[in-house]
Amino acid sequence: MLAGAAVAALLSATGAVVNLHLLARRRAFELAAMQALGVPRPGLRGAVAVEQSILVGFAVVLGVGLGTLGALLALPSVPEYADVPAYPPLLVRPQPGLVAVIAVAIAALLAVALAASGRALLRAAVPARLRETQA
């Protein structure tokens, strides 16, 4: 189950990065338009950081919360043995400390990826981009 959870987290992180990559051209066009209208570059940098932080923060909090709830509901019904043992069943529950460490590690990896993505997005957002057609 741990390997499955790790693969699911990796797939969701990859999905977020691919989504940002696919939307980068349109976002660069929008940011170039705002820069041409006089929005200062630090303001654009802050807006991109806040937008991506809200997107990823919400996804991490919701994903960890629903994953933990799913584990709490599903793990007690997973049989440990094929036959009925003579002693009481094991109580398997997610460990809050381990869940928190993994969630922080995933959020840190996503933050690094999103910072690089935001930096590349701001580099691509030049007023000359406004001569192109919007995708």
N, C-alpha and C. Protein backbone atom coordinates (compact mmCIF):
# COMPACT_ATOMS: atom_id res chain seq x y z
N MET A 1 0.82 -1.19 0.00
CA MET A 1 0.00 0.00 0.00
C MET A 1 0.86 1.26 0.00
N LEU A 2 2.00 1.18 0.70
CA LEU A 2 2.88 2.34 0.76
C LEU A 2 3.44 2.65 -0.63
N ALA A 3 3.82 1.61 -1.36
CA ALA A 3 4.35 1.83 -2.72
C ALA A 3 3.26 2.42 -3.61
N GLY A 4 2.05 1.93 -3.48
CA GLY A 4 0.94 2.49 -4.27
C GLY A 4 0.68 3.94 -3.94
N ALA A 5 0.76 4.29 -2.67
CA ALA A 5 0.56 5.68 -2.27
C ALA A 5 1.68 6.57 -2.82
N ALA A 6 2.91 6.07 -2.79
CA ALA A 6 4.03 6.85 -3.32
C ALA A 6 3.89 7.06 -4.82
N VAL A 7 3.49 6.03 -5.54
CA VAL A 7 3.29 6.16 -6.99
C VAL A 7 2.14 7.13 -7.27
N ALA A 8 1.07 7.07 -6.50
CA ALA A 8 -0.05 8.00 -6.70
C ALA A 8 0.39 9.44 -6.45
N ALA A 9 1.18 9.66 -5.40
CA ALA A 9 1.68 11.01 -5.12
C ALA A 9 2.58 11.50 -6.23
N LEU A 10 3.44 10.63 -6.74
CA LEU A 10 4.33 11.01 -7.84
C LEU A 10 3.54 11.32 -9.10
N LEU A 11 2.52 10.53 -9.39
CA LEU A 11 1.68 10.78 -10.56
C LEU A 11 0.92 12.09 -10.44
N SER A 12 0.41 12.39 -9.26
CA SER A 12 -0.33 13.63 -9.10
C SER A 12 0.60 14.84 -9.20
N ALA A 13 1.81 14.72 -8.66
CA ALA A 13 2.77 15.82 -8.78
C ALA A 13 3.17 16.02 -10.23
N THR A 14 3.38 14.93 -10.95
CA THR A 14 3.71 15.02 -12.37
C THR A 14 2.56 15.64 -13.14
N GLY A 15 1.34 15.27 -12.80
CA GLY A 15 0.17 15.87 -13.45
C GLY A 15 0.09 17.37 -13.24
N ALA A 16 0.40 17.82 -12.04
CA ALA A 16 0.38 19.26 -11.77
C ALA A 16 1.44 19.99 -12.58
N VAL A 17 2.63 19.41 -12.68
CA VAL A 17 3.70 20.05 -13.45
C VAL A 17 3.35 20.06 -14.94
N VAL A 18 2.81 18.96 -15.46
CA VAL A 18 2.42 18.91 -16.87
C VAL A 18 1.31 19.92 -17.15
N ASN A 19 0.36 20.04 -16.25
CA ASN A 19 -0.71 21.02 -16.42
C ASN A 19 -0.15 22.44 -16.49
N LEU A 20 0.78 22.76 -15.61
CA LEU A 20 1.40 24.09 -15.65
C LEU A 20 2.16 24.30 -16.95
N HIS A 21 2.83 23.28 -17.42
CA HIS A 21 3.58 23.38 -18.67
C HIS A 21 2.64 23.63 -19.85
N LEU A 22 1.51 22.94 -19.88
CA LEU A 22 0.56 23.09 -20.98
C LEU A 22 -0.11 24.47 -20.99
N LEU A 23 -0.26 25.05 -19.83
CA LEU A 23 -0.89 26.36 -19.74
C LEU A 23 0.12 27.51 -19.79
N ALA A 24 1.41 27.18 -19.92
CA ALA A 24 2.45 28.20 -19.81
C ALA A 24 2.36 29.25 -20.92
N ARG A 25 2.07 28.85 -22.15
CA ARG A 25 2.04 29.83 -23.24
C ARG A 25 0.94 30.87 -23.03
N ARG A 26 -0.23 30.41 -22.67
CA ARG A 26 -1.34 31.36 -22.42
C ARG A 26 -1.04 32.26 -21.22
N ARG A 27 -0.49 31.65 -20.16
CA ARG A 27 -0.16 32.46 -18.97
C ARG A 27 0.93 33.47 -19.29
N ALA A 28 1.92 33.08 -20.10
CA ALA A 28 2.98 34.02 -20.48
C ALA A 28 2.39 35.18 -21.27
N PHE A 29 1.43 34.90 -22.13
CA PHE A 29 0.75 35.95 -22.89
C PHE A 29 0.02 36.90 -21.95
N GLU A 30 -0.70 36.35 -20.98
CA GLU A 30 -1.43 37.19 -20.02
C GLU A 30 -0.49 38.03 -19.18
N LEU A 31 0.61 37.42 -18.72
CA LEU A 31 1.57 38.17 -17.91
C LEU A 31 2.27 39.24 -18.73
N ALA A 32 2.54 38.96 -20.00
CA ALA A 32 3.14 39.98 -20.87
C ALA A 32 2.18 41.15 -21.07
N ALA A 33 0.89 40.86 -21.20
CA ALA A 33 -0.09 41.93 -21.34
C ALA A 33 -0.15 42.78 -20.07
N MET A 34 -0.09 42.15 -18.90
CA MET A 34 -0.09 42.91 -17.65
C MET A 34 1.17 43.75 -17.52
N GLN A 35 2.29 43.20 -17.95
CA GLN A 35 3.55 43.94 -17.88
C GLN A 35 3.50 45.13 -18.84
N ALA A 36 2.90 44.95 -20.02
CA ALA A 36 2.78 46.05 -20.97
C ALA A 36 1.84 47.14 -20.44
N LEU A 37 0.90 46.77 -19.59
CA LEU A 37 -0.02 47.75 -19.00
C LEU A 37 0.60 48.49 -17.82
N GLY A 38 1.79 48.06 -17.39
CA GLY A 38 2.49 48.78 -16.34
C GLY A 38 2.56 48.10 -14.99
N VAL A 39 2.14 46.85 -14.91
CA VAL A 39 2.26 46.13 -13.65
C VAL A 39 3.75 45.84 -13.43
N PRO A 40 4.30 46.21 -12.27
CA PRO A 40 5.73 45.97 -12.06
C PRO A 40 6.06 44.48 -11.98
N ARG A 41 7.27 44.15 -12.38
CA ARG A 41 7.71 42.75 -12.41
C ARG A 41 7.65 42.08 -11.03
N PRO A 42 8.03 42.75 -9.92
CA PRO A 42 7.87 42.10 -8.62
C PRO A 42 6.40 41.77 -8.29
N GLY A 43 5.48 42.60 -8.76
CA GLY A 43 4.07 42.31 -8.55
C GLY A 43 3.63 41.08 -9.31
N LEU A 44 4.13 40.92 -10.53
CA LEU A 44 3.82 39.72 -11.31
C LEU A 44 4.42 38.48 -10.66
N ARG A 45 5.64 38.62 -10.15
CA ARG A 45 6.30 37.49 -9.49
C ARG A 45 5.50 37.06 -8.26
N GLY A 46 5.04 38.05 -7.49
CA GLY A 46 4.23 37.73 -6.31
C GLY A 46 2.90 37.09 -6.67
N ALA A 47 2.27 37.59 -7.74
CA ALA A 47 0.99 37.02 -8.17
C ALA A 47 1.14 35.57 -8.61
N VAL A 48 2.21 35.29 -9.37
CA VAL A 48 2.44 33.90 -9.81
C VAL A 48 2.72 33.01 -8.61
N ALA A 49 3.51 33.50 -7.66
CA ALA A 49 3.83 32.69 -6.47
C ALA A 49 2.58 32.40 -5.64
N VAL A 50 1.74 33.41 -5.45
CA VAL A 50 0.52 33.22 -4.66
C VAL A 50 -0.43 32.26 -5.37
N GLU A 51 -0.59 32.44 -6.67
CA GLU A 51 -1.50 31.59 -7.43
C GLU A 51 -1.07 30.12 -7.36
N GLN A 52 0.21 29.87 -7.58
CA GLN A 52 0.69 28.49 -7.57
C GLN A 52 0.69 27.92 -6.15
N SER A 53 0.96 28.75 -5.15
CA SER A 53 0.93 28.28 -3.77
C SER A 53 -0.47 27.87 -3.35
N ILE A 54 -1.46 28.64 -3.74
CA ILE A 54 -2.84 28.29 -3.42
C ILE A 54 -3.24 27.01 -4.12
N LEU A 55 -2.87 26.89 -5.39
CA LEU A 55 -3.22 25.70 -6.16
C LEU A 55 -2.61 24.45 -5.54
N VAL A 56 -1.33 24.47 -5.27
CA VAL A 56 -0.65 23.29 -4.74
C VAL A 56 -0.99 23.07 -3.26
N GLY A 57 -1.09 24.13 -2.49
CA GLY A 57 -1.43 23.99 -1.08
C GLY A 57 -2.78 23.35 -0.89
N PHE A 58 -3.76 23.80 -1.65
CA PHE A 58 -5.09 23.21 -1.57
C PHE A 58 -5.06 21.74 -1.97
N ALA A 59 -4.32 21.42 -3.03
CA ALA A 59 -4.24 20.03 -3.50
C ALA A 59 -3.56 19.14 -2.46
N VAL A 60 -2.50 19.63 -1.84
CA VAL A 60 -1.79 18.81 -0.85
C VAL A 60 -2.66 18.60 0.38
N VAL A 61 -3.29 19.65 0.87
CA VAL A 61 -4.13 19.52 2.07
C VAL A 61 -5.32 18.60 1.80
N LEU A 62 -5.97 18.81 0.67
CA LEU A 62 -7.12 17.97 0.33
C LEU A 62 -6.70 16.53 0.07
N GLY A 63 -5.60 16.33 -0.64
CA GLY A 63 -5.12 14.98 -0.93
C GLY A 63 -4.71 14.22 0.31
N VAL A 64 -3.97 14.87 1.20
CA VAL A 64 -3.54 14.21 2.43
C VAL A 64 -4.74 13.92 3.32
N GLY A 65 -5.65 14.86 3.43
CA GLY A 65 -6.84 14.66 4.26
C GLY A 65 -7.71 13.53 3.76
N LEU A 66 -8.01 13.54 2.46
CA LEU A 66 -8.86 12.48 1.92
C LEU A 66 -8.13 11.13 1.89
N GLY A 67 -6.83 11.14 1.65
CA GLY A 67 -6.06 9.89 1.69
C GLY A 67 -6.05 9.28 3.09
N THR A 68 -5.88 10.13 4.09
CA THR A 68 -5.89 9.65 5.48
C THR A 68 -7.27 9.13 5.85
N LEU A 69 -8.31 9.85 5.45
CA LEU A 69 -9.68 9.38 5.72
C LEU A 69 -9.94 8.05 5.03
N GLY A 70 -9.51 7.92 3.78
CA GLY A 70 -9.67 6.65 3.06
C GLY A 70 -8.93 5.52 3.73
N ALA A 71 -7.71 5.80 4.22
CA ALA A 71 -6.94 4.77 4.92
C ALA A 71 -7.63 4.37 6.22
N LEU A 72 -8.15 5.34 6.95
CA LEU A 72 -8.84 5.03 8.21
C LEU A 72 -10.08 4.18 7.97
N LEU A 73 -10.77 4.42 6.86
CA LEU A 73 -11.98 3.66 6.56
C LEU A 73 -11.67 2.30 5.95
N ALA A 74 -10.63 2.21 5.12
CA ALA A 74 -10.38 0.97 4.37
C ALA A 74 -9.48 -0.01 5.09
N LEU A 75 -8.48 0.47 5.82
CA LEU A 75 -7.50 -0.45 6.41
C LEU A 75 -8.09 -1.44 7.41
N PRO A 76 -9.07 -1.09 8.22
CA PRO A 76 -9.62 -2.10 9.15
C PRO A 76 -10.29 -3.28 8.44
N SER A 77 -10.75 -3.10 7.20
CA SER A 77 -11.43 -4.19 6.51
C SER A 77 -10.48 -5.03 5.66
N VAL A 78 -9.20 -4.67 5.59
CA VAL A 78 -8.24 -5.46 4.82
C VAL A 78 -7.80 -6.65 5.67
N PRO A 79 -8.01 -7.86 5.18
CA PRO A 79 -7.64 -9.03 5.99
C PRO A 79 -6.11 -9.21 6.04
N GLU A 80 -5.62 -9.60 7.22
CA GLU A 80 -4.19 -9.84 7.36
C GLU A 80 -3.83 -11.27 6.94
N TYR A 81 -4.76 -12.20 7.14
CA TYR A 81 -4.50 -13.61 6.88
C TYR A 81 -5.65 -14.21 6.09
N ALA A 82 -5.37 -15.32 5.40
CA ALA A 82 -6.42 -15.99 4.63
C ALA A 82 -7.40 -16.73 5.54
N ASP A 83 -6.89 -17.33 6.62
CA ASP A 83 -7.78 -18.03 7.55
C ASP A 83 -7.98 -17.17 8.80
N VAL A 84 -8.95 -17.48 9.58
CA VAL A 84 -9.27 -16.70 10.76
C VAL A 84 -8.29 -17.04 11.88
N PRO A 85 -7.50 -16.07 12.38
CA PRO A 85 -6.55 -16.38 13.45
C PRO A 85 -7.27 -16.49 14.80
N ALA A 86 -6.62 -17.13 15.75
CA ALA A 86 -7.19 -17.34 17.08
C ALA A 86 -7.06 -16.10 17.96
N TYR A 87 -6.23 -15.17 17.59
CA TYR A 87 -6.00 -13.97 18.40
C TYR A 87 -6.68 -12.78 17.73
N PRO A 88 -6.80 -11.66 18.44
CA PRO A 88 -7.49 -10.50 17.87
C PRO A 88 -6.77 -9.96 16.63
N PRO A 89 -7.52 -9.37 15.71
CA PRO A 89 -6.90 -8.84 14.49
C PRO A 89 -6.00 -7.63 14.79
N LEU A 90 -5.04 -7.42 13.92
CA LEU A 90 -4.17 -6.25 14.04
C LEU A 90 -4.96 -4.98 13.72
N LEU A 91 -4.66 -3.94 14.42
CA LEU A 91 -5.28 -2.65 14.13
C LEU A 91 -4.25 -1.81 13.38
N VAL A 92 -4.44 -1.68 12.10
CA VAL A 92 -3.51 -0.92 11.26
C VAL A 92 -4.10 0.47 11.05
N ARG A 93 -3.36 1.46 11.47
CA ARG A 93 -3.80 2.85 11.29
C ARG A 93 -2.63 3.66 10.76
N PRO A 94 -2.92 4.70 9.98
CA PRO A 94 -1.83 5.56 9.51
C PRO A 94 -1.19 6.29 10.70
N GLN A 95 0.11 6.40 10.67
CA GLN A 95 0.82 7.10 11.73
C GLN A 95 0.85 8.59 11.38
N PRO A 96 0.31 9.45 12.25
CA PRO A 96 0.22 10.87 11.93
C PRO A 96 1.58 11.52 11.66
N GLY A 97 2.60 11.13 12.40
CA GLY A 97 3.93 11.71 12.19
C GLY A 97 4.48 11.37 10.82
N LEU A 98 4.34 10.12 10.41
CA LEU A 98 4.82 9.69 9.11
C LEU A 98 4.04 10.37 7.98
N VAL A 99 2.73 10.47 8.15
CA VAL A 99 1.90 11.14 7.15
C VAL A 99 2.32 12.60 7.01
N ALA A 100 2.58 13.27 8.13
CA ALA A 100 3.00 14.67 8.09
C ALA A 100 4.35 14.84 7.42
N VAL A 101 5.29 13.94 7.72
CA VAL A 101 6.62 14.03 7.09
C VAL A 101 6.52 13.83 5.59
N ILE A 102 5.75 12.86 5.16
CA ILE A 102 5.59 12.60 3.73
C ILE A 102 4.89 13.77 3.05
N ALA A 103 3.86 14.32 3.69
CA ALA A 103 3.15 15.47 3.10
C ALA A 103 4.06 16.68 2.97
N VAL A 104 4.88 16.93 3.96
CA VAL A 104 5.82 18.06 3.89
C VAL A 104 6.86 17.82 2.80
N ALA A 105 7.34 16.58 2.68
CA ALA A 105 8.33 16.27 1.64
C ALA A 105 7.74 16.46 0.25
N ILE A 106 6.51 15.99 0.05
CA ILE A 106 5.86 16.16 -1.25
C ILE A 106 5.62 17.64 -1.53
N ALA A 107 5.17 18.39 -0.53
CA ALA A 107 4.94 19.82 -0.72
C ALA A 107 6.24 20.55 -1.04
N ALA A 108 7.34 20.14 -0.41
CA ALA A 108 8.63 20.78 -0.70
C ALA A 108 9.09 20.48 -2.12
N LEU A 109 8.93 19.24 -2.56
CA LEU A 109 9.29 18.90 -3.94
C LEU A 109 8.44 19.67 -4.94
N LEU A 110 7.15 19.77 -4.66
CA LEU A 110 6.27 20.53 -5.55
C LEU A 110 6.61 22.01 -5.53
N ALA A 111 6.99 22.54 -4.38
CA ALA A 111 7.36 23.95 -4.30
C ALA A 111 8.59 24.25 -5.15
N VAL A 112 9.56 23.34 -5.14
CA VAL A 112 10.75 23.53 -5.97
C VAL A 112 10.38 23.49 -7.45
N ALA A 113 9.55 22.51 -7.83
CA ALA A 113 9.13 22.41 -9.23
C ALA A 113 8.32 23.62 -9.66
N LEU A 114 7.44 24.10 -8.78
CA LEU A 114 6.62 25.25 -9.13
C LEU A 114 7.42 26.55 -9.16
N ALA A 115 8.43 26.65 -8.31
CA ALA A 115 9.29 27.84 -8.35
C ALA A 115 10.05 27.90 -9.67
N ALA A 116 10.56 26.76 -10.11
CA ALA A 116 11.25 26.72 -11.40
C ALA A 116 10.28 27.02 -12.54
N SER A 117 9.07 26.48 -12.45
CA SER A 117 8.06 26.73 -13.47
C SER A 117 7.66 28.20 -13.49
N GLY A 118 7.48 28.80 -12.33
CA GLY A 118 7.13 30.22 -12.26
C GLY A 118 8.23 31.12 -12.79
N ARG A 119 9.47 30.75 -12.49
CA ARG A 119 10.61 31.53 -12.99
C ARG A 119 10.66 31.46 -14.52
N ALA A 120 10.46 30.27 -15.08
CA ALA A 120 10.46 30.12 -16.54
C ALA A 120 9.29 30.86 -17.16
N LEU A 121 8.15 30.85 -16.49
CA LEU A 121 6.97 31.56 -16.98
C LEU A 121 7.22 33.05 -17.03
N LEU A 122 7.84 33.60 -15.98
CA LEU A 122 8.12 35.04 -15.97
C LEU A 122 9.19 35.41 -16.99
N ARG A 123 10.13 34.51 -17.25
CA ARG A 123 11.13 34.78 -18.29
C ARG A 123 10.49 34.83 -19.66
N ALA A 124 9.47 34.01 -19.88
CA ALA A 124 8.79 33.97 -21.18
C ALA A 124 7.80 35.12 -21.35
N ALA A 125 7.44 35.78 -20.27
CA ALA A 125 6.44 36.85 -20.33
C ALA A 125 7.11 38.18 -20.66
N VAL A 126 7.38 38.38 -21.94
CA VAL A 126 7.96 39.64 -22.41
C VAL A 126 6.95 40.30 -23.32
N PRO A 127 6.93 41.63 -23.36
CA PRO A 127 5.94 42.31 -24.20
C PRO A 127 5.99 41.91 -25.68
N ALA A 128 7.13 41.44 -26.17
CA ALA A 128 7.21 41.01 -27.56
C ALA A 128 6.30 39.81 -27.84
N ARG A 129 5.94 39.08 -26.80
CA ARG A 129 5.04 37.93 -26.95
C ARG A 129 3.65 38.37 -27.41
N LEU A 130 3.32 39.63 -27.18
CA LEU A 130 1.98 40.11 -27.54
C LEU A 130 1.80 40.18 -29.07
N ARG A 131 2.88 40.10 -29.81
CA ARG A 131 2.77 40.09 -31.28
C ARG A 131 2.30 38.75 -31.79
N GLU A 132 2.45 37.70 -30.96
CA GLU A 132 2.01 36.36 -31.35
C GLU A 132 0.51 36.26 -31.17
N THR A 133 -0.08 35.24 -31.76
CA THR A 133 -1.50 35.00 -31.51
C THR A 133 -1.63 34.22 -30.21
N GLN A 134 -2.70 34.49 -29.50
CA GLN A 134 -2.90 33.81 -28.22
C GLN A 134 -3.39 32.41 -28.47
N ALA A 135 -2.79 31.46 -27.76
CA ALA A 135 -3.16 30.04 -27.93
C ALA A 135 -4.39 29.71 -27.14
